[in-house]
Amino acid sequence: MTEILLDEVCETDFPSATQLDRIERLLSSREELETYIAVLISKVEGKISPDPGLLDRVERLAGLLRQVDER
């Protein structure tokens, strides 16, 4: 399910917050988290005015990844 949703996010310029929330609830491995973060970064990379909501998610998830690494 996570892979399907990630594919949909990759295909849209403006993924819905609801869809992103669902993906975050379904993430079950460090690898999925890394992939998800990379997808979100690709959505904001090179944008003059990146979506603040996506930037907040990337920042929060990067912090989560650091916490996982510290454990």
N, C-alpha and C. Protein backbone atom coordinates (compact mmCIF):
# COMPACT_ATOMS: atom_id res chain seq x y z
N MET A 1 0.82 -1.19 0.00
CA MET A 1 0.00 0.00 0.00
C MET A 1 0.87 1.26 0.00
N THR A 2 1.92 1.24 0.81
CA THR A 2 2.81 2.41 0.90
C THR A 2 3.42 2.72 -0.46
N GLU A 3 3.86 1.69 -1.15
CA GLU A 3 4.49 1.88 -2.46
C GLU A 3 3.51 2.49 -3.46
N ILE A 4 2.30 2.04 -3.45
CA ILE A 4 1.28 2.57 -4.36
C ILE A 4 1.04 4.06 -4.08
N LEU A 5 0.90 4.39 -2.82
CA LEU A 5 0.67 5.79 -2.45
C LEU A 5 1.88 6.65 -2.79
N LEU A 6 3.08 6.14 -2.55
CA LEU A 6 4.29 6.89 -2.91
C LEU A 6 4.36 7.13 -4.41
N ASP A 7 3.99 6.14 -5.19
CA ASP A 7 3.97 6.31 -6.64
C ASP A 7 3.01 7.43 -7.04
N GLU A 8 1.86 7.48 -6.39
CA GLU A 8 0.88 8.54 -6.69
C GLU A 8 1.44 9.91 -6.32
N VAL A 9 2.12 9.99 -5.19
CA VAL A 9 2.72 11.26 -4.76
C VAL A 9 3.77 11.70 -5.77
N CYS A 10 4.55 10.76 -6.27
CA CYS A 10 5.59 11.08 -7.26
C CYS A 10 5.00 11.69 -8.52
N GLU A 11 3.79 11.29 -8.86
CA GLU A 11 3.17 11.73 -10.11
C GLU A 11 2.44 13.06 -10.01
N THR A 12 2.31 13.61 -8.82
CA THR A 12 1.59 14.87 -8.67
C THR A 12 2.51 15.96 -8.15
N ASP A 13 2.23 17.18 -8.55
CA ASP A 13 3.03 18.31 -8.06
C ASP A 13 2.59 18.74 -6.67
N PHE A 14 1.33 18.50 -6.33
CA PHE A 14 0.80 18.95 -5.06
C PHE A 14 0.07 17.80 -4.34
N PRO A 15 0.84 16.94 -3.67
CA PRO A 15 0.21 15.82 -2.97
C PRO A 15 -0.68 16.33 -1.83
N SER A 16 -1.73 15.60 -1.57
CA SER A 16 -2.66 16.03 -0.52
C SER A 16 -2.09 15.68 0.85
N ALA A 17 -2.39 16.52 1.81
CA ALA A 17 -1.94 16.29 3.19
C ALA A 17 -2.52 14.98 3.72
N THR A 18 -3.75 14.69 3.35
CA THR A 18 -4.39 13.45 3.80
C THR A 18 -3.62 12.23 3.30
N GLN A 19 -3.23 12.27 2.05
CA GLN A 19 -2.47 11.16 1.47
C GLN A 19 -1.11 11.03 2.15
N LEU A 20 -0.45 12.15 2.39
CA LEU A 20 0.85 12.13 3.06
C LEU A 20 0.73 11.61 4.49
N ASP A 21 -0.32 12.02 5.18
CA ASP A 21 -0.56 11.51 6.53
C ASP A 21 -0.72 10.00 6.53
N ARG A 22 -1.45 9.50 5.56
CA ARG A 22 -1.67 8.05 5.47
C ARG A 22 -0.35 7.32 5.22
N ILE A 23 0.46 7.85 4.33
CA ILE A 23 1.76 7.24 4.06
C ILE A 23 2.58 7.19 5.35
N GLU A 24 2.59 8.28 6.08
CA GLU A 24 3.38 8.34 7.31
C GLU A 24 2.90 7.32 8.33
N ARG A 25 1.61 7.06 8.38
CA ARG A 25 1.09 6.03 9.29
C ARG A 25 1.48 4.63 8.85
N LEU A 26 1.70 4.45 7.55
CA LEU A 26 2.00 3.13 7.02
C LEU A 26 3.49 2.81 6.98
N LEU A 27 4.35 3.80 7.11
CA LEU A 27 5.79 3.55 7.04
C LEU A 27 6.19 2.53 8.09
N SER A 28 6.96 1.53 7.66
CA SER A 28 7.30 0.45 8.60
C SER A 28 8.79 0.12 8.64
N SER A 29 9.60 0.83 7.86
CA SER A 29 11.03 0.55 7.89
C SER A 29 11.82 1.83 7.65
N ARG A 30 13.07 1.77 8.03
CA ARG A 30 13.96 2.91 7.81
C ARG A 30 14.07 3.20 6.31
N GLU A 31 14.12 2.15 5.51
CA GLU A 31 14.23 2.30 4.06
C GLU A 31 13.01 3.05 3.49
N GLU A 32 11.82 2.68 3.94
CA GLU A 32 10.61 3.38 3.48
C GLU A 32 10.64 4.84 3.90
N LEU A 33 11.11 5.10 5.11
CA LEU A 33 11.21 6.48 5.59
C LEU A 33 12.18 7.28 4.73
N GLU A 34 13.33 6.70 4.42
CA GLU A 34 14.31 7.38 3.56
C GLU A 34 13.73 7.66 2.18
N THR A 35 13.05 6.69 1.62
CA THR A 35 12.44 6.85 0.30
C THR A 35 11.39 7.96 0.33
N TYR A 36 10.58 7.96 1.36
CA TYR A 36 9.53 8.97 1.50
C TYR A 36 10.14 10.37 1.62
N ILE A 37 11.18 10.50 2.43
CA ILE A 37 11.84 11.80 2.57
C ILE A 37 12.40 12.25 1.22
N ALA A 38 13.00 11.33 0.48
CA ALA A 38 13.55 11.68 -0.84
C ALA A 38 12.45 12.15 -1.78
N VAL A 39 11.30 11.51 -1.74
CA VAL A 39 10.17 11.92 -2.59
C VAL A 39 9.72 13.33 -2.21
N LEU A 40 9.61 13.59 -0.92
CA LEU A 40 9.20 14.93 -0.49
C LEU A 40 10.23 15.99 -0.89
N ILE A 41 11.50 15.66 -0.74
CA ILE A 41 12.55 16.60 -1.14
C ILE A 41 12.44 16.91 -2.62
N SER A 42 12.14 15.90 -3.42
CA SER A 42 12.01 16.12 -4.87
C SER A 42 10.85 17.07 -5.18
N LYS A 43 9.85 17.14 -4.30
CA LYS A 43 8.70 18.02 -4.50
C LYS A 43 9.03 19.49 -4.20
N VAL A 44 10.03 19.72 -3.35
CA VAL A 44 10.36 21.10 -2.98
C VAL A 44 11.66 21.58 -3.64
N GLU A 45 12.46 20.65 -4.10
CA GLU A 45 13.75 20.98 -4.69
C GLU A 45 13.60 21.85 -5.94
N GLY A 46 14.34 22.94 -5.95
CA GLY A 46 14.35 23.81 -7.12
C GLY A 46 13.15 24.73 -7.24
N LYS A 47 12.25 24.69 -6.28
CA LYS A 47 11.07 25.56 -6.32
C LYS A 47 11.43 26.93 -5.75
N ILE A 48 10.93 27.97 -6.38
CA ILE A 48 11.15 29.33 -5.88
C ILE A 48 10.42 29.51 -4.54
N SER A 49 9.21 29.03 -4.48
CA SER A 49 8.42 29.11 -3.25
C SER A 49 7.90 27.73 -2.90
N PRO A 50 8.74 26.90 -2.29
CA PRO A 50 8.28 25.55 -1.96
C PRO A 50 7.15 25.57 -0.94
N ASP A 51 6.32 24.58 -1.00
CA ASP A 51 5.18 24.45 -0.09
C ASP A 51 5.70 24.37 1.35
N PRO A 52 5.30 25.32 2.20
CA PRO A 52 5.77 25.30 3.59
C PRO A 52 5.37 24.02 4.33
N GLY A 53 4.21 23.48 4.00
CA GLY A 53 3.78 22.24 4.64
C GLY A 53 4.71 21.08 4.32
N LEU A 54 5.16 21.01 3.07
CA LEU A 54 6.10 19.95 2.69
C LEU A 54 7.45 20.17 3.36
N LEU A 55 7.88 21.42 3.43
CA LEU A 55 9.15 21.71 4.12
C LEU A 55 9.07 21.30 5.59
N ASP A 56 7.94 21.58 6.23
CA ASP A 56 7.75 21.18 7.63
C ASP A 56 7.81 19.66 7.77
N ARG A 57 7.19 18.95 6.84
CA ARG A 57 7.23 17.49 6.89
C ARG A 57 8.65 16.96 6.74
N VAL A 58 9.38 17.51 5.78
CA VAL A 58 10.76 17.06 5.56
C VAL A 58 11.57 17.29 6.83
N GLU A 59 11.43 18.46 7.42
CA GLU A 59 12.17 18.77 8.63
C GLU A 59 11.82 17.81 9.77
N ARG A 60 10.53 17.57 9.95
CA ARG A 60 10.08 16.66 11.02
C ARG A 60 10.56 15.24 10.79
N LEU A 61 10.45 14.78 9.55
CA LEU A 61 10.84 13.42 9.24
C LEU A 61 12.35 13.22 9.30
N ALA A 62 13.11 14.25 8.92
CA ALA A 62 14.56 14.17 9.05
C ALA A 62 14.94 14.04 10.52
N GLY A 63 14.22 14.74 11.38
CA GLY A 63 14.44 14.60 12.82
C GLY A 63 14.12 13.21 13.31
N LEU A 64 13.05 12.64 12.79
CA LEU A 64 12.67 11.27 13.13
C LEU A 64 13.75 10.29 12.68
N LEU A 65 14.29 10.51 11.50
CA LEU A 65 15.35 9.64 10.99
C LEU A 65 16.58 9.73 11.89
N ARG A 66 16.91 10.92 12.35
CA ARG A 66 18.04 11.07 13.28
C ARG A 66 17.77 10.31 14.58
N GLN A 67 16.55 10.35 15.07
CA GLN A 67 16.20 9.62 16.29
C GLN A 67 16.35 8.12 16.09
N VAL A 68 15.94 7.64 14.94
CA VAL A 68 16.06 6.21 14.62
C VAL A 68 17.55 5.83 14.62
N ASP A 69 18.38 6.68 14.04
CA ASP A 69 19.81 6.40 13.96
C ASP A 69 20.47 6.40 15.34
N GLU A 70 19.94 7.20 16.26
CA GLU A 70 20.52 7.29 17.59
C GLU A 70 20.19 6.08 18.45
N ARG A 71 19.17 5.34 18.08
CA ARG A 71 18.74 4.18 18.87
C ARG A 71 19.58 2.99 18.61
